[in-house]
């Protein structure tokens, strides 16, 4: 397994311009960027952790909480917006009792709002761990969540 140290060592002459590639590689490895990792990167570059956090929070591609077992992305692009993705998001947040950017306490679900999933013809669309679900309504969303919960109980 690749460690943070191996990723940092790929940049033996660390420069400020290495920050985003480092953050991307760390997130790819862990699924998110932790507070500890930000401190590690700061020691390596050297940059203050506050500067690194400031850069990372500027880009919405970075997450600071571990994603859930089922990471749900909700498209908020124009086509999805017009077809009611805000209602889908509201319902999902009520059902899971978390907001976008958060993970449920049991680590099962996380919600991420994305600008566009590139599947406008399927609007409104969500992605669960990369699997697309088209024409999502409140009823369809409840069915998807029920299936995921049943799938998890079957494996546990």
N, C-alpha and C. Protein backbone atom coordinates (compact mmCIF):
# COMPACT_ATOMS: atom_id res chain seq x y z
N UNK A 1 0.85 -1.19 0.00
CA UNK A 1 0.00 0.00 0.00
C UNK A 1 0.89 1.25 0.00
N UNK A 2 0.48 2.21 -0.78
CA UNK A 2 1.22 3.47 -0.87
C UNK A 2 0.93 4.29 0.39
N UNK A 3 1.95 4.95 0.90
CA UNK A 3 1.78 5.78 2.09
C UNK A 3 1.92 7.26 1.70
N UNK A 4 1.54 8.11 2.63
CA UNK A 4 1.73 9.55 2.40
C UNK A 4 3.20 9.85 2.14
N UNK A 5 4.07 9.17 2.89
CA UNK A 5 5.51 9.41 2.76
C UNK A 5 5.99 9.11 1.34
N UNK A 6 5.51 8.01 0.76
CA UNK A 6 5.91 7.67 -0.62
C UNK A 6 5.45 8.76 -1.60
N UNK A 7 4.24 9.26 -1.38
CA UNK A 7 3.73 10.31 -2.25
C UNK A 7 4.58 11.57 -2.09
N UNK A 8 4.87 11.95 -0.86
CA UNK A 8 5.68 13.15 -0.61
C UNK A 8 7.08 12.99 -1.21
N UNK A 9 7.63 11.79 -1.14
CA UNK A 9 8.98 11.54 -1.66
C UNK A 9 9.04 11.60 -3.18
N UNK A 10 7.89 11.56 -3.85
CA UNK A 10 7.87 11.73 -5.31
C UNK A 10 8.25 13.16 -5.70
N UNK A 11 8.27 14.03 -4.70
CA UNK A 11 8.61 15.44 -4.91
C UNK A 11 9.82 15.79 -4.04
N UNK A 12 11.02 15.31 -4.45
CA UNK A 12 12.21 15.50 -3.61
C UNK A 12 12.66 16.97 -3.51
N UNK A 13 12.33 17.76 -4.52
CA UNK A 13 12.66 19.19 -4.50
C UNK A 13 11.34 19.95 -4.44
N UNK A 14 10.69 19.90 -3.26
CA UNK A 14 9.31 20.41 -3.17
C UNK A 14 9.20 21.91 -3.43
N UNK A 15 8.19 22.23 -4.21
CA UNK A 15 7.90 23.62 -4.54
C UNK A 15 6.41 23.87 -4.33
N UNK A 16 6.09 25.11 -4.27
CA UNK A 16 4.70 25.54 -4.08
C UNK A 16 3.77 24.96 -5.15
N UNK A 17 4.27 24.86 -6.39
CA UNK A 17 3.44 24.35 -7.49
C UNK A 17 3.14 22.86 -7.37
N UNK A 18 3.80 22.19 -6.43
CA UNK A 18 3.52 20.77 -6.18
C UNK A 18 2.32 20.56 -5.26
N UNK A 19 1.80 21.62 -4.68
CA UNK A 19 0.74 21.50 -3.68
C UNK A 19 -0.51 20.80 -4.22
N UNK A 20 -1.04 21.25 -5.33
CA UNK A 20 -2.28 20.66 -5.84
C UNK A 20 -2.07 19.20 -6.25
N UNK A 21 -1.01 18.86 -6.99
CA UNK A 21 -0.80 17.43 -7.29
C UNK A 21 -0.64 16.58 -6.03
N UNK A 22 0.01 17.11 -5.00
CA UNK A 22 0.14 16.37 -3.74
C UNK A 22 -1.23 16.15 -3.10
N UNK A 23 -2.03 17.19 -3.03
CA UNK A 23 -3.37 17.07 -2.45
C UNK A 23 -4.22 16.07 -3.24
N UNK A 24 -4.11 16.10 -4.56
CA UNK A 24 -4.88 15.19 -5.40
C UNK A 24 -4.46 13.74 -5.16
N UNK A 25 -3.16 13.49 -5.09
CA UNK A 25 -2.67 12.12 -4.87
C UNK A 25 -3.06 11.60 -3.49
N UNK A 26 -2.94 12.46 -2.49
CA UNK A 26 -3.33 12.07 -1.12
C UNK A 26 -4.82 11.74 -1.08
N UNK A 27 -5.64 12.58 -1.71
CA UNK A 27 -7.08 12.33 -1.70
C UNK A 27 -7.40 11.05 -2.47
N UNK A 28 -6.71 10.81 -3.55
CA UNK A 28 -6.94 9.58 -4.31
C UNK A 28 -6.62 8.35 -3.46
N UNK A 29 -5.59 8.45 -2.64
CA UNK A 29 -5.19 7.34 -1.77
C UNK A 29 -6.19 7.11 -0.65
N UNK A 30 -6.61 8.17 0.04
CA UNK A 30 -7.44 8.04 1.24
C UNK A 30 -8.92 8.35 1.02
N UNK A 31 -9.25 9.01 -0.08
CA UNK A 31 -10.63 9.41 -0.32
C UNK A 31 -10.95 10.80 0.20
N UNK A 32 -10.00 11.38 0.93
CA UNK A 32 -10.16 12.73 1.47
C UNK A 32 -8.80 13.23 1.93
N UNK A 33 -8.74 14.50 2.33
CA UNK A 33 -7.51 15.11 2.84
C UNK A 33 -7.73 15.41 4.32
N UNK A 34 -6.97 14.75 5.17
CA UNK A 34 -7.13 14.93 6.61
C UNK A 34 -6.31 16.11 7.13
N UNK A 35 -6.65 16.54 8.33
CA UNK A 35 -5.91 17.61 9.00
C UNK A 35 -4.44 17.20 9.17
N UNK A 36 -4.21 15.94 9.55
CA UNK A 36 -2.84 15.44 9.74
C UNK A 36 -2.05 15.50 8.44
N UNK A 37 -2.72 15.15 7.34
CA UNK A 37 -2.05 15.17 6.03
C UNK A 37 -1.69 16.60 5.64
N UNK A 38 -2.56 17.54 5.92
CA UNK A 38 -2.26 18.94 5.61
C UNK A 38 -1.00 19.38 6.36
N UNK A 39 -0.87 18.97 7.61
CA UNK A 39 0.32 19.30 8.40
C UNK A 39 1.57 18.63 7.80
N UNK A 40 1.44 17.36 7.40
CA UNK A 40 2.56 16.65 6.76
C UNK A 40 3.02 17.36 5.48
N UNK A 41 2.04 17.74 4.65
CA UNK A 41 2.37 18.43 3.40
C UNK A 41 3.06 19.76 3.71
N UNK A 42 2.56 20.46 4.73
CA UNK A 42 3.15 21.73 5.13
C UNK A 42 4.60 21.59 5.55
N UNK A 43 4.92 20.52 6.25
CA UNK A 43 6.30 20.28 6.66
C UNK A 43 7.18 19.97 5.46
N UNK A 44 6.62 19.29 4.48
CA UNK A 44 7.39 18.87 3.32
C UNK A 44 7.66 20.02 2.36
N UNK A 45 6.71 20.94 2.18
CA UNK A 45 6.86 21.94 1.11
C UNK A 45 7.83 23.11 1.36
N UNK A 46 8.09 23.69 2.37
CA UNK A 46 7.37 24.04 3.59
C UNK A 46 6.42 25.21 3.37
N UNK A 47 5.21 25.00 3.82
CA UNK A 47 4.16 26.02 3.78
C UNK A 47 3.35 25.89 5.06
N UNK A 48 2.82 26.99 5.56
CA UNK A 48 1.97 26.88 6.75
C UNK A 48 0.70 26.10 6.42
N UNK A 49 0.23 25.33 7.37
CA UNK A 49 -0.99 24.53 7.19
C UNK A 49 -2.17 25.42 6.80
N UNK A 50 -2.23 26.63 7.34
CA UNK A 50 -3.33 27.54 7.02
C UNK A 50 -3.34 27.88 5.53
N UNK A 51 -2.18 28.04 4.93
CA UNK A 51 -2.08 28.35 3.50
C UNK A 51 -2.54 27.15 2.67
N UNK A 52 -2.13 25.95 3.08
CA UNK A 52 -2.52 24.72 2.38
C UNK A 52 -4.03 24.53 2.46
N UNK A 53 -4.57 24.70 3.65
CA UNK A 53 -6.02 24.56 3.84
C UNK A 53 -6.76 25.60 3.00
N UNK A 54 -6.24 26.80 2.96
CA UNK A 54 -6.86 27.87 2.16
C UNK A 54 -6.91 27.51 0.68
N UNK A 55 -5.83 26.96 0.16
CA UNK A 55 -5.80 26.55 -1.24
C UNK A 55 -6.77 25.38 -1.46
N UNK A 56 -6.71 24.38 -0.57
CA UNK A 56 -7.55 23.19 -0.72
C UNK A 56 -9.04 23.53 -0.65
N UNK A 57 -9.42 24.46 0.21
CA UNK A 57 -10.84 24.80 0.32
C UNK A 57 -11.31 25.67 -0.84
N UNK A 58 -10.38 26.30 -1.55
CA UNK A 58 -10.75 27.09 -2.71
C UNK A 58 -11.30 26.20 -3.82
N UNK A 59 -10.73 25.01 -3.97
CA UNK A 59 -11.15 24.07 -5.01
C UNK A 59 -12.17 23.08 -4.44
N UNK A 60 -13.32 22.96 -5.09
CA UNK A 60 -14.33 22.07 -4.53
C UNK A 60 -14.08 20.60 -4.83
N UNK A 61 -12.95 20.27 -5.44
CA UNK A 61 -12.62 18.87 -5.68
C UNK A 61 -12.10 18.16 -4.43
N UNK A 62 -11.70 18.93 -3.42
CA UNK A 62 -11.11 18.32 -2.22
C UNK A 62 -12.15 18.14 -1.12
N UNK A 63 -12.09 16.96 -0.49
CA UNK A 63 -12.97 16.63 0.63
C UNK A 63 -12.12 16.56 1.89
N UNK A 64 -12.73 16.90 3.02
CA UNK A 64 -12.00 16.92 4.30
C UNK A 64 -12.59 15.94 5.31
N UNK A 65 -13.56 15.17 4.87
CA UNK A 65 -14.14 14.11 5.69
C UNK A 65 -14.05 12.82 4.89
N UNK A 66 -13.85 11.70 5.58
CA UNK A 66 -13.81 10.44 4.84
C UNK A 66 -15.16 10.18 4.16
N UNK A 67 -15.13 9.75 2.91
CA UNK A 67 -16.39 9.46 2.24
C UNK A 67 -17.04 8.22 2.84
N UNK A 68 -18.35 8.14 2.71
CA UNK A 68 -19.07 6.98 3.20
C UNK A 68 -18.84 5.78 2.30
N UNK A 69 -19.26 4.64 2.78
CA UNK A 69 -19.18 3.41 1.98
C UNK A 69 -19.92 3.63 0.66
N UNK A 70 -21.03 4.36 0.74
CA UNK A 70 -21.79 4.72 -0.46
C UNK A 70 -21.71 6.24 -0.62
N UNK A 71 -20.85 6.67 -1.53
CA UNK A 71 -20.63 8.09 -1.77
C UNK A 71 -21.60 8.54 -2.87
N UNK A 72 -22.54 9.39 -2.49
CA UNK A 72 -23.59 9.83 -3.41
C UNK A 72 -23.27 11.23 -3.91
N UNK A 73 -23.13 11.34 -5.23
CA UNK A 73 -22.92 12.63 -5.86
C UNK A 73 -24.22 13.06 -6.51
N UNK A 74 -24.62 14.28 -6.23
CA UNK A 74 -25.84 14.84 -6.81
C UNK A 74 -25.46 15.93 -7.80
N UNK A 75 -25.90 15.76 -9.02
CA UNK A 75 -25.61 16.75 -10.06
C UNK A 75 -26.51 17.96 -9.87
N UNK A 76 -25.88 19.14 -9.94
CA UNK A 76 -26.65 20.39 -9.85
C UNK A 76 -26.46 21.23 -11.10
N UNK A 77 -26.06 20.56 -12.19
CA UNK A 77 -25.95 21.25 -13.47
C UNK A 77 -27.29 21.78 -13.93
N UNK A 78 -27.27 22.53 -15.00
CA UNK A 78 -28.48 23.21 -15.47
C UNK A 78 -29.63 22.24 -15.75
N UNK A 79 -29.38 21.19 -16.52
CA UNK A 79 -30.45 20.25 -16.85
C UNK A 79 -31.01 19.59 -15.59
N UNK A 80 -30.14 19.18 -14.69
CA UNK A 80 -30.60 18.54 -13.46
C UNK A 80 -31.35 19.53 -12.58
N UNK A 81 -30.85 20.76 -12.53
CA UNK A 81 -31.53 21.80 -11.74
C UNK A 81 -32.96 22.01 -12.25
N UNK A 82 -33.09 22.16 -13.57
CA UNK A 82 -34.39 22.40 -14.17
C UNK A 82 -35.34 21.24 -13.90
N UNK A 83 -34.79 20.02 -13.84
CA UNK A 83 -35.64 18.84 -13.64
C UNK A 83 -35.79 18.45 -12.17
N UNK A 84 -35.34 19.31 -11.25
CA UNK A 84 -35.66 19.11 -9.83
C UNK A 84 -34.60 18.49 -8.94
N UNK A 85 -33.33 18.64 -9.30
CA UNK A 85 -32.30 18.04 -8.44
C UNK A 85 -32.23 18.68 -7.05
N UNK A 86 -32.71 19.91 -6.91
CA UNK A 86 -32.70 20.52 -5.57
C UNK A 86 -33.66 19.77 -4.65
N UNK A 87 -34.79 19.29 -5.18
CA UNK A 87 -35.72 18.49 -4.37
C UNK A 87 -35.08 17.16 -3.98
N UNK A 88 -34.35 16.56 -4.91
CA UNK A 88 -33.66 15.30 -4.63
C UNK A 88 -32.63 15.51 -3.52
N UNK A 89 -31.87 16.59 -3.62
CA UNK A 89 -30.87 16.90 -2.60
C UNK A 89 -31.53 17.11 -1.24
N UNK A 90 -32.59 17.90 -1.20
CA UNK A 90 -33.30 18.16 0.06
C UNK A 90 -33.79 16.85 0.68
N UNK A 91 -34.39 16.02 -0.14
CA UNK A 91 -34.92 14.75 0.36
C UNK A 91 -33.80 13.85 0.88
N UNK A 92 -32.71 13.80 0.15
CA UNK A 92 -31.57 12.96 0.56
C UNK A 92 -31.00 13.44 1.90
N UNK A 93 -30.86 14.75 2.05
CA UNK A 93 -30.35 15.31 3.30
C UNK A 93 -31.29 15.02 4.47
N UNK A 94 -32.59 15.10 4.23
CA UNK A 94 -33.57 14.78 5.28
C UNK A 94 -33.50 13.29 5.63
N UNK A 95 -33.47 12.45 4.62
CA UNK A 95 -33.47 11.00 4.81
C UNK A 95 -32.22 10.52 5.56
N UNK A 96 -31.06 11.06 5.20
CA UNK A 96 -29.80 10.61 5.81
C UNK A 96 -29.41 11.43 7.04
N UNK A 97 -30.11 12.55 7.26
CA UNK A 97 -29.84 13.44 8.40
C UNK A 97 -28.42 13.99 8.39
N UNK A 98 -27.95 14.30 7.18
CA UNK A 98 -26.66 14.97 7.00
C UNK A 98 -26.81 16.01 5.89
N UNK A 99 -25.85 16.90 5.82
CA UNK A 99 -25.82 17.90 4.75
C UNK A 99 -24.78 17.49 3.72
N UNK A 100 -24.82 18.14 2.56
CA UNK A 100 -23.82 17.89 1.53
C UNK A 100 -22.44 18.16 2.12
N UNK A 101 -21.49 17.28 1.80
CA UNK A 101 -20.14 17.41 2.34
C UNK A 101 -19.93 16.61 3.61
N UNK A 102 -20.99 15.98 4.11
CA UNK A 102 -20.90 15.22 5.36
C UNK A 102 -21.06 13.73 5.10
N UNK A 103 -20.73 12.96 6.13
CA UNK A 103 -20.85 11.50 6.11
C UNK A 103 -21.70 11.10 7.32
N UNK A 104 -22.56 10.11 7.14
CA UNK A 104 -23.39 9.65 8.25
C UNK A 104 -22.51 9.08 9.35
N UNK A 105 -22.99 9.13 10.57
CA UNK A 105 -22.21 8.67 11.73
C UNK A 105 -21.72 7.23 11.59
N UNK A 106 -22.54 6.40 10.95
CA UNK A 106 -22.15 5.00 10.79
C UNK A 106 -21.19 4.78 9.62
N UNK A 107 -20.85 5.87 8.91
CA UNK A 107 -19.90 5.77 7.80
C UNK A 107 -20.49 5.15 6.54
N UNK A 108 -21.79 4.97 6.51
CA UNK A 108 -22.43 4.31 5.37
C UNK A 108 -22.60 5.24 4.16
N UNK A 109 -23.03 6.48 4.39
CA UNK A 109 -23.38 7.36 3.28
C UNK A 109 -22.67 8.71 3.41
N UNK A 110 -22.31 9.25 2.26
CA UNK A 110 -21.84 10.63 2.21
C UNK A 110 -22.48 11.29 1.00
N UNK A 111 -22.63 12.59 1.08
CA UNK A 111 -23.28 13.36 0.01
C UNK A 111 -22.29 14.40 -0.51
N UNK A 112 -22.22 14.48 -1.82
CA UNK A 112 -21.40 15.51 -2.46
C UNK A 112 -22.22 16.14 -3.57
N UNK A 113 -22.28 17.45 -3.59
CA UNK A 113 -22.94 18.17 -4.67
C UNK A 113 -21.87 18.48 -5.72
N UNK A 114 -22.16 18.14 -6.97
CA UNK A 114 -21.21 18.40 -8.05
C UNK A 114 -21.87 19.31 -9.09
N UNK A 115 -21.04 20.09 -9.76
CA UNK A 115 -21.54 21.05 -10.74
C UNK A 115 -22.17 20.34 -11.94
N UNK A 116 -21.59 19.23 -12.38
CA UNK A 116 -22.14 18.50 -13.52
C UNK A 116 -21.52 17.11 -13.56
N UNK A 117 -22.35 16.11 -13.76
CA UNK A 117 -21.86 14.73 -13.92
C UNK A 117 -21.70 14.37 -15.39
N UNK A 118 -22.10 15.27 -16.28
CA UNK A 118 -21.93 15.02 -17.71
C UNK A 118 -22.94 14.03 -18.27
N UNK A 119 -24.08 13.92 -17.63
CA UNK A 119 -25.12 13.00 -18.09
C UNK A 119 -26.45 13.75 -18.17
N UNK A 120 -26.43 14.86 -18.86
CA UNK A 120 -27.58 15.78 -18.89
C UNK A 120 -28.85 15.12 -19.42
N UNK A 121 -28.71 14.18 -20.32
CA UNK A 121 -29.88 13.50 -20.87
C UNK A 121 -30.57 12.60 -19.87
N UNK A 122 -29.92 12.34 -18.73
CA UNK A 122 -30.48 11.46 -17.70
C UNK A 122 -31.07 12.26 -16.53
N UNK A 123 -31.13 13.56 -16.66
CA UNK A 123 -31.49 14.46 -15.56
C UNK A 123 -32.86 14.15 -14.96
N UNK A 124 -32.99 14.36 -13.65
CA UNK A 124 -31.90 14.59 -12.70
C UNK A 124 -31.16 13.29 -12.40
N UNK A 125 -29.87 13.41 -12.26
CA UNK A 125 -29.02 12.23 -12.11
C UNK A 125 -28.21 12.29 -10.83
N UNK A 126 -28.00 11.11 -10.22
CA UNK A 126 -27.08 10.97 -9.10
C UNK A 126 -26.12 9.85 -9.45
N UNK A 127 -25.00 9.84 -8.76
CA UNK A 127 -24.02 8.77 -8.92
C UNK A 127 -23.75 8.21 -7.53
N UNK A 128 -23.80 6.89 -7.41
CA UNK A 128 -23.46 6.22 -6.15
C UNK A 128 -22.23 5.37 -6.43
N UNK A 129 -21.10 5.78 -5.86
CA UNK A 129 -19.82 5.11 -6.10
C UNK A 129 -19.55 4.93 -7.59
N UNK A 130 -19.90 5.95 -8.37
CA UNK A 130 -19.63 5.93 -9.80
C UNK A 130 -20.71 5.30 -10.65
N UNK A 131 -21.74 4.72 -10.03
CA UNK A 131 -22.85 4.12 -10.79
C UNK A 131 -23.97 5.16 -10.91
N UNK A 132 -24.33 5.47 -12.15
CA UNK A 132 -25.32 6.51 -12.40
C UNK A 132 -26.74 5.99 -12.24
N UNK A 133 -27.61 6.86 -11.70
CA UNK A 133 -29.03 6.59 -11.58
C UNK A 133 -29.75 7.75 -12.24
N UNK A 134 -30.56 7.43 -13.25
CA UNK A 134 -31.21 8.45 -14.08
C UNK A 134 -32.61 8.78 -13.61
N UNK A 135 -33.07 9.96 -13.99
CA UNK A 135 -34.45 10.40 -13.77
C UNK A 135 -34.87 10.16 -12.31
N UNK A 136 -34.03 10.65 -11.39
CA UNK A 136 -34.24 10.38 -9.97
C UNK A 136 -35.34 11.27 -9.40
N UNK A 137 -36.30 10.61 -8.79
CA UNK A 137 -37.39 11.28 -8.09
C UNK A 137 -37.24 10.93 -6.61
N UNK A 138 -38.05 11.52 -5.76
CA UNK A 138 -38.01 11.18 -4.34
C UNK A 138 -38.28 9.70 -4.13
N UNK A 139 -39.27 9.19 -4.85
CA UNK A 139 -39.64 7.76 -4.74
C UNK A 139 -38.48 6.87 -5.18
N UNK A 140 -37.86 7.22 -6.29
CA UNK A 140 -36.74 6.42 -6.82
C UNK A 140 -35.55 6.50 -5.86
N UNK A 141 -35.32 7.67 -5.28
CA UNK A 141 -34.22 7.83 -4.33
C UNK A 141 -34.44 6.96 -3.10
N UNK A 142 -35.66 6.92 -2.59
CA UNK A 142 -35.96 6.06 -1.44
C UNK A 142 -35.70 4.60 -1.77
N UNK A 143 -36.03 4.17 -2.99
CA UNK A 143 -35.78 2.80 -3.42
C UNK A 143 -34.28 2.52 -3.49
N UNK A 144 -33.51 3.46 -4.03
CA UNK A 144 -32.06 3.30 -4.13
C UNK A 144 -31.46 3.13 -2.74
N UNK A 145 -31.85 4.00 -1.80
CA UNK A 145 -31.32 3.93 -0.43
C UNK A 145 -31.73 2.61 0.23
N UNK A 146 -32.96 2.18 0.01
CA UNK A 146 -33.43 0.92 0.58
C UNK A 146 -32.59 -0.25 0.04
N UNK A 147 -32.31 -0.24 -1.25
CA UNK A 147 -31.50 -1.30 -1.85
C UNK A 147 -30.07 -1.29 -1.30
N UNK A 148 -29.50 -0.12 -1.13
CA UNK A 148 -28.14 -0.03 -0.60
C UNK A 148 -28.08 -0.54 0.83
N UNK A 149 -29.07 -0.18 1.63
CA UNK A 149 -29.11 -0.64 3.02
C UNK A 149 -29.29 -2.16 3.07
N UNK A 150 -30.16 -2.70 2.22
CA UNK A 150 -30.39 -4.15 2.19
C UNK A 150 -29.13 -4.87 1.71
N UNK A 151 -28.46 -4.32 0.74
CA UNK A 151 -27.21 -4.89 0.21
C UNK A 151 -26.17 -4.96 1.32
N UNK A 152 -26.10 -3.89 2.11
CA UNK A 152 -25.12 -3.84 3.18
C UNK A 152 -25.45 -4.86 4.28
N UNK A 153 -26.72 -4.99 4.61
CA UNK A 153 -27.12 -5.97 5.63
C UNK A 153 -26.85 -7.39 5.16
N UNK A 154 -27.00 -7.64 3.88
CA UNK A 154 -26.73 -8.94 3.31
C UNK A 154 -25.27 -9.33 3.36
N UNK A 155 -24.38 -8.31 3.38
CA UNK A 155 -22.93 -8.55 3.42
C UNK A 155 -22.39 -8.55 4.84
N UNK A 156 -23.23 -8.21 5.83
CA UNK A 156 -22.75 -8.01 7.19
C UNK A 156 -23.04 -9.10 8.05
